[in-house]
């Protein structure tokens, strides 16, 4: 599941997502646009927080 889809499904906005993942809102915006992808450690943290809904392969399609 893409980050945008997860945010919509869980009704989580950018600010809440950033706080939940421990990053800035700018980082989340870059992920959503596909400008950047999280580092492996952050991907693992996101996978854990989202209970596996977002996994490492989901970042390949982000921003398209």
Protein backbone atom coordinates (compact mmCIF):
# COMPACT_ATOMS: atom_id res chain seq x y z
CA UNK A 1 0.00 0.00 0.00
CA UNK A 2 1.32 3.44 -0.87
CA UNK A 3 1.77 6.02 1.86
CA UNK A 4 -0.92 8.27 0.36
CA UNK A 5 -3.39 5.37 0.32
CA UNK A 6 -2.59 4.46 3.92
CA UNK A 7 -3.03 8.08 5.01
CA UNK A 8 -6.41 8.25 3.30
CA UNK A 9 -7.53 4.88 4.68
CA UNK A 10 -6.54 5.80 8.24
CA UNK A 11 -7.67 9.42 7.89
CA UNK A 12 -4.20 10.63 8.89
CA UNK A 13 -2.98 14.02 7.70
CA UNK A 14 0.61 15.02 6.88
CA UNK A 15 1.27 16.56 10.29
CA UNK A 16 0.02 13.50 12.19
CA UNK A 17 1.95 11.18 9.87
CA UNK A 18 5.16 13.13 10.41
CA UNK A 19 4.69 13.06 14.19
CA UNK A 20 3.88 9.35 14.17
CA UNK A 21 7.01 8.51 12.15
CA UNK A 22 9.22 11.01 13.98
CA UNK A 23 10.10 13.08 10.90
CA UNK A 24 9.36 16.54 9.56
CA UNK A 25 6.31 17.35 7.47
CA UNK A 26 8.75 18.20 4.69
CA UNK A 27 10.08 14.63 4.71
CA UNK A 28 6.55 13.25 4.41
CA UNK A 29 5.77 15.65 1.56
CA UNK A 30 8.92 14.55 -0.29
CA UNK A 31 7.93 10.90 0.15
CA UNK A 32 4.44 11.62 -1.15
CA UNK A 33 5.77 13.45 -4.23
CA UNK A 34 8.31 10.72 -4.89
CA UNK A 35 11.22 13.14 -4.52
CA UNK A 36 12.77 10.89 -1.87
CA UNK A 37 12.25 7.51 -0.31
CA UNK A 38 12.93 6.72 3.34
CA UNK A 39 16.16 5.03 4.34
CA UNK A 40 15.97 1.35 5.22
CA UNK A 41 15.79 1.95 8.98
CA UNK A 42 12.88 4.37 8.49
CA UNK A 43 11.14 1.93 6.13
CA UNK A 44 11.35 -0.70 8.87
CA UNK A 45 9.90 1.76 11.41
CA UNK A 46 7.08 2.69 9.03
CA UNK A 47 6.34 -0.97 8.33
CA UNK A 48 6.13 -1.61 12.10
CA UNK A 49 3.95 1.45 12.82
CA UNK A 50 1.57 0.64 9.95
CA UNK A 51 1.48 -3.03 10.98
CA UNK A 52 2.91 -4.09 7.63
CA UNK A 53 0.44 -2.12 5.51
CA UNK A 54 3.36 -0.24 3.93
CA UNK A 55 6.37 -2.38 3.08
CA UNK A 56 9.68 -1.77 1.33
CA UNK A 57 8.39 -2.44 -2.19
CA UNK A 58 5.57 0.09 -1.83
CA UNK A 59 8.02 2.98 -2.14
CA UNK A 60 8.92 2.07 -5.72
CA UNK A 61 5.56 3.32 -7.04
CA UNK A 62 5.23 6.33 -4.69
CA UNK A 63 4.91 9.68 -6.42
CA UNK A 64 3.56 8.32 -9.71
